[in-house]
């Protein structure tokens, strides 16, 4: 199973691709414009990116160039209606790993994704740190002071999101949109519940929580975890 980001503005095509890849047991997130794609790539890690060439706001080729320029190493499959060899050459030269011309059969898409997943990848450090909390997306592990912390998928995704965006405040609605699965019907109360269980696992008694509540606004995580509070003298 691969974690895949699909960037495609054709709603009908995107729905078909998401349904097909989900049936093949992949985890798929879908965005429909270039601006959201850049934001997702800054905040999350993916095994494979399926990227349309022509997109609203930011073109696929520009997303590709920016992603590679910032060290992004995940395989990228370009989707496009362009069949000209020069266009394909431009995409491959910019850092694409493969190219699929529309229309295509979903089985061909699957075959190309399997081929990409078999390619050796460049080893890059994706370790995220906040104080004594260490998160490694590639191995799906979290440690606190060197001790492993077992998290549920949503807890892990939420912690990763906060650690990739230190100091930024996010309302519960924004977290639902960016962290929860697409088409989730969860409410802000679900966010509060997951944050509560996450705090129990990563905070220590006597410490200020690594995830702060900004009352009336939302939640944030500082660049480094807060030190233990000083106890009053007797």
C-alpha atoms as a PDB file:
ATOM      1  CA  UNK A   1       0.000   0.000   0.000  1.00  0.00           C
ATOM      2  CA  UNK A   2       1.314   3.451  -0.921  1.00  0.00           C
ATOM      3  CA  UNK A   3       0.435   6.889   0.369  1.00  0.00           C
ATOM      4  CA  UNK A   4      -0.440   8.854  -2.777  1.00  0.00           C
ATOM      5  CA  UNK A   5      -1.193  12.505  -3.466  1.00  0.00           C
ATOM      6  CA  UNK A   6      -3.402  12.993  -6.525  1.00  0.00           C
ATOM      7  CA  UNK A   7      -3.370  16.507  -7.994  1.00  0.00           C
ATOM      8  CA  UNK A   8      -6.124  16.682 -10.634  1.00  0.00           C
ATOM      9  CA  UNK A   9      -8.714  19.367 -11.389  1.00  0.00           C
ATOM     10  CA  UNK A  10     -11.031  17.148 -13.446  1.00  0.00           C
ATOM     11  CA  UNK A  11     -13.521  16.129 -10.753  1.00  0.00           C
ATOM     12  CA  UNK A  12     -14.940  13.095 -12.581  1.00  0.00           C
ATOM     13  CA  UNK A  13     -11.486  11.729 -13.433  1.00  0.00           C
ATOM     14  CA  UNK A  14     -10.223  12.357  -9.917  1.00  0.00           C
ATOM     15  CA  UNK A  15     -13.163  10.501  -8.376  1.00  0.00           C
ATOM     16  CA  UNK A  16     -12.569   7.512 -10.646  1.00  0.00           C
ATOM     17  CA  UNK A  17      -8.851   7.437  -9.885  1.00  0.00           C
ATOM     18  CA  UNK A  18      -9.384   7.770  -6.123  1.00  0.00           C
ATOM     19  CA  UNK A  19     -11.978   4.976  -6.167  1.00  0.00           C
ATOM     20  CA  UNK A  20      -9.725   2.696  -8.231  1.00  0.00           C
ATOM     21  CA  UNK A  21      -6.596   3.256  -6.142  1.00  0.00           C
ATOM     22  CA  UNK A  22      -8.534   2.910  -2.893  1.00  0.00           C
ATOM     23  CA  UNK A  23      -9.839  -0.455  -4.123  1.00  0.00           C
ATOM     24  CA  UNK A  24      -6.183  -1.404  -4.641  1.00  0.00           C
ATOM     25  CA  UNK A  25      -5.597  -0.607  -0.968  1.00  0.00           C
ATOM     26  CA  UNK A  26      -3.691   2.633  -1.452  1.00  0.00           C
ATOM     27  CA  UNK A  27      -4.205   5.672   0.782  1.00  0.00           C
ATOM     28  CA  UNK A  28      -5.091   8.573  -1.528  1.00  0.00           C
ATOM     29  CA  UNK A  29      -5.440  12.283  -0.853  1.00  0.00           C
ATOM     30  CA  UNK A  30      -6.808  14.508  -3.614  1.00  0.00           C
ATOM     31  CA  UNK A  31      -6.403  18.233  -4.259  1.00  0.00           C
ATOM     32  CA  UNK A  32      -7.736  20.066  -7.296  1.00  0.00           C
ATOM     33  CA  UNK A  33      -5.467  23.085  -7.702  1.00  0.00           C
ATOM     34  CA  UNK A  34      -1.789  23.944  -7.674  1.00  0.00           C
ATOM     35  CA  UNK A  35      -1.846  26.155  -4.599  1.00  0.00           C
ATOM     36  CA  UNK A  36      -3.279  23.392  -2.411  1.00  0.00           C
ATOM     37  CA  UNK A  37      -0.828  20.908  -3.929  1.00  0.00           C
ATOM     38  CA  UNK A  38       2.155  23.037  -2.882  1.00  0.00           C
ATOM     39  CA  UNK A  39       0.730  23.405   0.599  1.00  0.00           C
ATOM     40  CA  UNK A  40       0.169  19.659   0.999  1.00  0.00           C
ATOM     41  CA  UNK A  41       3.675  18.870  -0.247  1.00  0.00           C
ATOM     42  CA  UNK A  42       5.157  21.301   2.276  1.00  0.00           C
ATOM     43  CA  UNK A  43       3.242  19.774   5.174  1.00  0.00           C
ATOM     44  CA  UNK A  44       3.075  16.044   4.439  1.00  0.00           C
ATOM     45  CA  UNK A  45       5.097  13.220   2.963  1.00  0.00           C
ATOM     46  CA  UNK A  46       3.936  10.853   0.209  1.00  0.00           C
ATOM     47  CA  UNK A  47       5.237   7.677  -1.378  1.00  0.00           C
ATOM     48  CA  UNK A  48       4.108   8.741  -4.867  1.00  0.00           C
ATOM     49  CA  UNK A  49       2.678  11.942  -6.372  1.00  0.00           C
ATOM     50  CA  UNK A  50       0.302  11.789  -9.350  1.00  0.00           C
ATOM     51  CA  UNK A  51       0.407  15.274 -10.820  1.00  0.00           C
ATOM     52  CA  UNK A  52      -1.698  16.781 -13.600  1.00  0.00           C
ATOM     53  CA  UNK A  53       0.086  19.187 -15.936  1.00  0.00           C
ATOM     54  CA  UNK A  54      -2.663  21.802 -16.416  1.00  0.00           C
ATOM     55  CA  UNK A  55      -4.022  23.048 -13.090  1.00  0.00           C
ATOM     56  CA  UNK A  56      -5.717  26.164 -11.743  1.00  0.00           C
ATOM     57  CA  UNK A  57      -3.510  28.717  -9.932  1.00  0.00           C
ATOM     58  CA  UNK A  58      -0.147  26.912 -10.309  1.00  0.00           C
ATOM     59  CA  UNK A  59       0.753  24.659 -13.244  1.00  0.00           C
ATOM     60  CA  UNK A  60       1.863  21.097 -12.610  1.00  0.00           C
ATOM     61  CA  UNK A  61       5.264  21.635 -14.204  1.00  0.00           C
ATOM     62  CA  UNK A  62       5.915  24.534 -11.796  1.00  0.00           C
ATOM     63  CA  UNK A  63       4.868  22.423  -8.807  1.00  0.00           C
ATOM     64  CA  UNK A  64       7.267  19.730 -10.003  1.00  0.00           C
ATOM     65  CA  UNK A  65      10.169  22.183 -10.292  1.00  0.00           C
ATOM     66  CA  UNK A  66       9.521  23.729  -6.867  1.00  0.00           C
ATOM     67  CA  UNK A  67       9.184  20.332  -5.207  1.00  0.00           C
ATOM     68  CA  UNK A  68      12.478  19.061  -6.641  1.00  0.00           C
ATOM     69  CA  UNK A  69      14.234  22.370  -5.893  1.00  0.00           C
ATOM     70  CA  UNK A  70      13.380  22.029  -2.198  1.00  0.00           C
ATOM     71  CA  UNK A  71      14.710  18.453  -2.008  1.00  0.00           C
ATOM     72  CA  UNK A  72      11.456  16.560  -2.604  1.00  0.00           C
ATOM     73  CA  UNK A  73      12.445  13.019  -3.598  1.00  0.00           C
ATOM     74  CA  UNK A  74       9.143  11.106  -3.950  1.00  0.00           C
ATOM     75  CA  UNK A  75       8.441   9.628  -7.416  1.00  0.00           C
ATOM     76  CA  UNK A  76       6.199  11.821  -9.566  1.00  0.00           C
ATOM     77  CA  UNK A  77       3.911  10.563 -12.327  1.00  0.00           C
ATOM     78  CA  UNK A  78       2.699  13.355 -14.615  1.00  0.00           C
ATOM     79  CA  UNK A  79      -0.851  13.153 -16.014  1.00  0.00           C
ATOM     80  CA  UNK A  80      -1.577  15.190 -19.107  1.00  0.00           C
ATOM     81  CA  UNK A  81      -3.492  15.528 -22.320  1.00  0.00           C
ATOM     82  CA  UNK A  82      -0.260  16.674 -23.970  1.00  0.00           C
ATOM     83  CA  UNK A  83       1.143  14.065 -26.348  1.00  0.00           C
ATOM     84  CA  UNK A  84       3.922  16.122 -27.936  1.00  0.00           C
ATOM     85  CA  UNK A  85       7.378  14.625 -27.369  1.00  0.00           C
ATOM     86  CA  UNK A  86       8.784  18.063 -26.508  1.00  0.00           C
ATOM     87  CA  UNK A  87       6.272  18.474 -23.674  1.00  0.00           C
ATOM     88  CA  UNK A  88       7.090  15.033 -22.297  1.00  0.00           C
ATOM     89  CA  UNK A  89      10.785  15.832 -22.521  1.00  0.00           C
ATOM     90  CA  UNK A  90      10.214  19.065 -20.579  1.00  0.00           C
ATOM     91  CA  UNK A  91       8.412  17.216 -17.799  1.00  0.00           C
ATOM     92  CA  UNK A  92      11.035  14.483 -17.503  1.00  0.00           C
ATOM     93  CA  UNK A  93      13.865  17.012 -17.551  1.00  0.00           C
ATOM     94  CA  UNK A  94      12.154  18.977 -14.773  1.00  0.00           C
ATOM     95  CA  UNK A  95      12.201  15.918 -12.514  1.00  0.00           C
ATOM     96  CA  UNK A  96       9.189  13.759 -13.379  1.00  0.00           C
ATOM     97  CA  UNK A  97       9.760  10.006 -13.101  1.00  0.00           C
ATOM     98  CA  UNK A  98       7.087   8.915 -15.562  1.00  0.00           C
ATOM     99  CA  UNK A  99       4.425  10.277 -17.869  1.00  0.00           C
ATOM    100  CA  UNK A 100       0.860   9.080 -18.563  1.00  0.00           C
ATOM    101  CA  UNK A 101      -1.225  10.624 -21.356  1.00  0.00           C
ATOM    102  CA  UNK A 102      -5.005  11.021 -20.978  1.00  0.00           C
ATOM    103  CA  UNK A 103      -7.215   9.155 -21.525  1.00  0.00           C
ATOM    104  CA  UNK A 104      -5.721   6.092 -19.842  1.00  0.00           C
ATOM    105  CA  UNK A 105      -6.914   2.772 -18.462  1.00  0.00           C
ATOM    106  CA  UNK A 106      -6.741   2.569 -14.655  1.00  0.00           C
ATOM    107  CA  UNK A 107      -4.817  -0.696 -14.912  1.00  0.00           C
ATOM    108  CA  UNK A 108      -2.061   1.096 -16.800  1.00  0.00           C
ATOM    109  CA  UNK A 109      -1.969   3.698 -14.030  1.00  0.00           C
ATOM    110  CA  UNK A 110      -1.626   0.918 -11.453  1.00  0.00           C
ATOM    111  CA  UNK A 111       1.154  -0.753 -13.424  1.00  0.00           C
ATOM    112  CA  UNK A 112       3.114   2.486 -13.649  1.00  0.00           C
ATOM    113  CA  UNK A 113       2.659   3.154  -9.936  1.00  0.00           C
ATOM    114  CA  UNK A 114       3.916  -0.345  -9.126  1.00  0.00           C
ATOM    115  CA  UNK A 115       6.967   0.269 -11.303  1.00  0.00           C
ATOM    116  CA  UNK A 116       7.656   3.571  -9.541  1.00  0.00           C
ATOM    117  CA  UNK A 117       7.296   1.976  -6.117  1.00  0.00           C
ATOM    118  CA  UNK A 118       9.945  -0.615  -7.022  1.00  0.00           C
ATOM    119  CA  UNK A 119      12.555   1.977  -7.919  1.00  0.00           C
ATOM    120  CA  UNK A 120      15.256   2.626  -5.338  1.00  0.00           C
ATOM    121  CA  UNK A 121      14.820   6.000  -3.689  1.00  0.00           C
ATOM    122  CA  UNK A 122      17.409   8.477  -2.547  1.00  0.00           C
ATOM    123  CA  UNK A 123      17.749   8.305   1.204  1.00  0.00           C
ATOM    124  CA  UNK A 124      16.974  11.695   2.705  1.00  0.00           C
ATOM    125  CA  UNK A 125      16.501  12.573   6.332  1.00  0.00           C
ATOM    126  CA  UNK A 126      12.858  13.219   7.042  1.00  0.00           C
ATOM    127  CA  UNK A 127      13.266  13.331  10.789  1.00  0.00           C
ATOM    128  CA  UNK A 128      11.162  15.967  12.503  1.00  0.00           C
ATOM    129  CA  UNK A 129      12.032  17.215  15.989  1.00  0.00           C
ATOM    130  CA  UNK A 130      10.334  19.345  18.618  1.00  0.00           C
ATOM    131  CA  UNK A 131      12.222  19.298  21.898  1.00  0.00           C
ATOM    132  CA  UNK A 132      12.659  15.654  22.867  1.00  0.00           C
ATOM    133  CA  UNK A 133       9.916  14.502  20.471  1.00  0.00           C
ATOM    134  CA  UNK A 134      11.224  12.869  17.296  1.00  0.00           C
ATOM    135  CA  UNK A 135       8.968  11.808  14.404  1.00  0.00           C
ATOM    136  CA  UNK A 136      10.074   9.880  11.313  1.00  0.00           C
ATOM    137  CA  UNK A 137       7.350   9.701   8.618  1.00  0.00           C
ATOM    138  CA  UNK A 138       9.178   7.111   6.487  1.00  0.00           C
ATOM    139  CA  UNK A 139       9.253   4.550   9.301  1.00  0.00           C
ATOM    140  CA  UNK A 140       6.042   5.730  10.979  1.00  0.00           C
ATOM    141  CA  UNK A 141       7.743   6.050  14.363  1.00  0.00           C
ATOM    142  CA  UNK A 142       7.603   8.580  17.172  1.00  0.00           C
ATOM    143  CA  UNK A 143       9.864   8.752  20.216  1.00  0.00           C
ATOM    144  CA  UNK A 144       9.711  10.936  23.308  1.00  0.00           C
ATOM    145  CA  UNK A 145      13.013  11.256  25.153  1.00  0.00           C
ATOM    146  CA  UNK A 146      14.237   8.212  23.246  1.00  0.00           C
ATOM    147  CA  UNK A 147      11.243   6.083  24.263  1.00  0.00           C
ATOM    148  CA  UNK A 148       8.913   4.856  21.537  1.00  0.00           C
ATOM    149  CA  UNK A 149       5.379   6.266  21.526  1.00  0.00           C
ATOM    150  CA  UNK A 150       2.654   4.246  19.795  1.00  0.00           C
ATOM    151  CA  UNK A 151       0.155   6.463  17.990  1.00  0.00           C
ATOM    152  CA  UNK A 152      -3.025   5.765  16.064  1.00  0.00           C
ATOM    153  CA  UNK A 153      -3.020   6.906  12.394  1.00  0.00           C
ATOM    154  CA  UNK A 154      -4.921  10.156  13.029  1.00  0.00           C
ATOM    155  CA  UNK A 155      -2.778  10.966  16.058  1.00  0.00           C
ATOM    156  CA  UNK A 156       0.360  10.420  13.983  1.00  0.00           C
ATOM    157  CA  UNK A 157      -0.943  12.518  11.081  1.00  0.00           C
ATOM    158  CA  UNK A 158      -1.940  15.347  13.407  1.00  0.00           C
ATOM    159  CA  UNK A 159       1.409  15.358  15.210  1.00  0.00           C
ATOM    160  CA  UNK A 160       3.284  15.314  11.883  1.00  0.00           C
ATOM    161  CA  UNK A 161       1.205  18.240  10.635  1.00  0.00           C
ATOM    162  CA  UNK A 162       1.941  20.310  13.748  1.00  0.00           C
ATOM    163  CA  UNK A 163       5.665  19.475  13.606  1.00  0.00           C
ATOM    164  CA  UNK A 164       5.852  20.559   9.965  1.00  0.00           C
ATOM    165  CA  UNK A 165       4.176  23.854  10.862  1.00  0.00           C
ATOM    166  CA  UNK A 166       5.784  24.979  14.141  1.00  0.00           C
ATOM    167  CA  UNK A 167       4.386  28.116  15.701  1.00  0.00           C
ATOM    168  CA  UNK A 168       1.394  28.365  13.366  1.00  0.00           C
ATOM    169  CA  UNK A 169      -2.092  28.414  14.864  1.00  0.00           C
ATOM    170  CA  UNK A 170      -4.775  26.293  13.196  1.00  0.00           C
ATOM    171  CA  UNK A 171      -8.516  26.342  14.001  1.00  0.00           C
ATOM    172  CA  UNK A 172     -10.193  22.969  14.396  1.00  0.00           C
ATOM    173  CA  UNK A 173     -11.909  23.415  11.024  1.00  0.00           C
ATOM    174  CA  UNK A 174      -8.541  23.882   9.295  1.00  0.00           C
ATOM    175  CA  UNK A 175      -7.200  20.711  10.911  1.00  0.00           C
ATOM    176  CA  UNK A 176     -10.251  18.775   9.731  1.00  0.00           C
ATOM    177  CA  UNK A 177      -9.617  19.999   6.187  1.00  0.00           C
ATOM    178  CA  UNK A 178      -5.867  19.335   6.120  1.00  0.00           C
ATOM    179  CA  UNK A 179      -5.363  16.278   8.323  1.00  0.00           C
ATOM    180  CA  UNK A 180      -8.595  14.258   8.348  1.00  0.00           C
ATOM    181  CA  UNK A 181      -9.414  12.008   5.354  1.00  0.00           C
ATOM    182  CA  UNK A 182     -11.089  13.544   2.325  1.00  0.00           C
ATOM    183  CA  UNK A 183     -14.903  13.656   2.659  1.00  0.00           C
ATOM    184  CA  UNK A 184     -14.691  12.988   6.395  1.00  0.00           C
ATOM    185  CA  UNK A 185     -17.809  13.954   8.310  1.00  0.00           C
ATOM    186  CA  UNK A 186     -15.902  14.527  11.554  1.00  0.00           C
ATOM    187  CA  UNK A 187     -16.685  17.617  13.639  1.00  0.00           C
ATOM    188  CA  UNK A 188     -14.443  20.007  15.615  1.00  0.00           C
ATOM    189  CA  UNK A 189     -15.230  17.850  18.642  1.00  0.00           C
ATOM    190  CA  UNK A 190     -13.325  15.014  16.936  1.00  0.00           C
ATOM    191  CA  UNK A 191     -10.283  17.284  16.705  1.00  0.00           C
ATOM    192  CA  UNK A 192     -10.473  18.039  20.416  1.00  0.00           C
ATOM    193  CA  UNK A 193     -10.757  14.332  21.181  1.00  0.00           C
ATOM    194  CA  UNK A 194      -7.711  13.354  19.105  1.00  0.00           C
ATOM    195  CA  UNK A 195      -5.648  16.214  20.556  1.00  0.00           C
ATOM    196  CA  UNK A 196      -6.611  15.074  24.049  1.00  0.00           C
ATOM    197  CA  UNK A 197      -5.495  11.480  23.442  1.00  0.00           C
ATOM    198  CA  UNK A 198      -2.339  12.663  21.655  1.00  0.00           C
ATOM    199  CA  UNK A 199      -1.385  14.865  24.595  1.00  0.00           C
ATOM    200  CA  UNK A 200      -1.735  11.918  26.968  1.00  0.00           C
ATOM    201  CA  UNK A 201       0.833  10.024  24.906  1.00  0.00           C
ATOM    202  CA  UNK A 202       3.444  12.715  24.244  1.00  0.00           C
ATOM    203  CA  UNK A 203       3.238  14.933  27.347  1.00  0.00           C
ATOM    204  CA  UNK A 204       4.757  14.226  30.741  1.00  0.00           C
ATOM    205  CA  UNK A 205       3.258  15.093  34.072  1.00  0.00           C
ATOM    206  CA  UNK A 206       4.492  18.501  35.179  1.00  0.00           C
ATOM    207  CA  UNK A 207       5.256  19.648  31.631  1.00  0.00           C
ATOM    208  CA  UNK A 208       3.425  22.245  29.638  1.00  0.00           C
ATOM    209  CA  UNK A 209       1.740  20.448  26.755  1.00  0.00           C
ATOM    210  CA  UNK A 210       3.687  20.345  23.479  1.00  0.00           C
ATOM    211  CA  UNK A 211       0.427  21.234  21.729  1.00  0.00           C
ATOM    212  CA  UNK A 212      -0.963  24.515  23.000  1.00  0.00           C
ATOM    213  CA  UNK A 213      -4.576  25.635  22.932  1.00  0.00           C
ATOM    214  CA  UNK A 214      -5.043  29.258  21.870  1.00  0.00           C
ATOM    215  CA  UNK A 215      -8.478  29.897  23.318  1.00  0.00           C
ATOM    216  CA  UNK A 216     -11.000  31.124  20.810  1.00  0.00           C
ATOM    217  CA  UNK A 217      -8.562  30.595  17.935  1.00  0.00           C
ATOM    218  CA  UNK A 218      -7.160  27.067  17.645  1.00  0.00           C
ATOM    219  CA  UNK A 219      -4.061  24.989  18.346  1.00  0.00           C
ATOM    220  CA  UNK A 220      -0.331  25.213  17.698  1.00  0.00           C
ATOM    221  CA  UNK A 221       2.961  23.483  18.434  1.00  0.00           C
ATOM    222  CA  UNK A 222       6.090  25.465  19.233  1.00  0.00           C
ATOM    223  CA  UNK A 223       9.416  24.793  17.520  1.00  0.00           C
ATOM    224  CA  UNK A 224      10.707  23.164  20.706  1.00  0.00           C
ATOM    225  CA  UNK A 225       8.743  21.516  23.453  1.00  0.00           C
ATOM    226  CA  UNK A 226       8.335  23.594  26.584  1.00  0.00           C
ATOM    227  CA  UNK A 227      10.496  22.640  29.575  1.00  0.00           C
ATOM    228  CA  UNK A 228       8.961  21.185  32.680  1.00  0.00           C
ATOM    229  CA  UNK A 229       7.285  23.777  34.848  1.00  0.00           C
ATOM    230  CA  UNK A 230       9.153  24.839  37.964  1.00  0.00           C
ATOM    231  CA  UNK A 231       7.506  23.471  41.078  1.00  0.00           C
ATOM    232  CA  UNK A 232       6.818  26.001  43.845  1.00  0.00           C
ATOM    233  CA  UNK A 233       9.017  25.701  46.919  1.00  0.00           C
ATOM    234  CA  UNK A 234       7.407  24.361  50.044  1.00  0.00           C
END
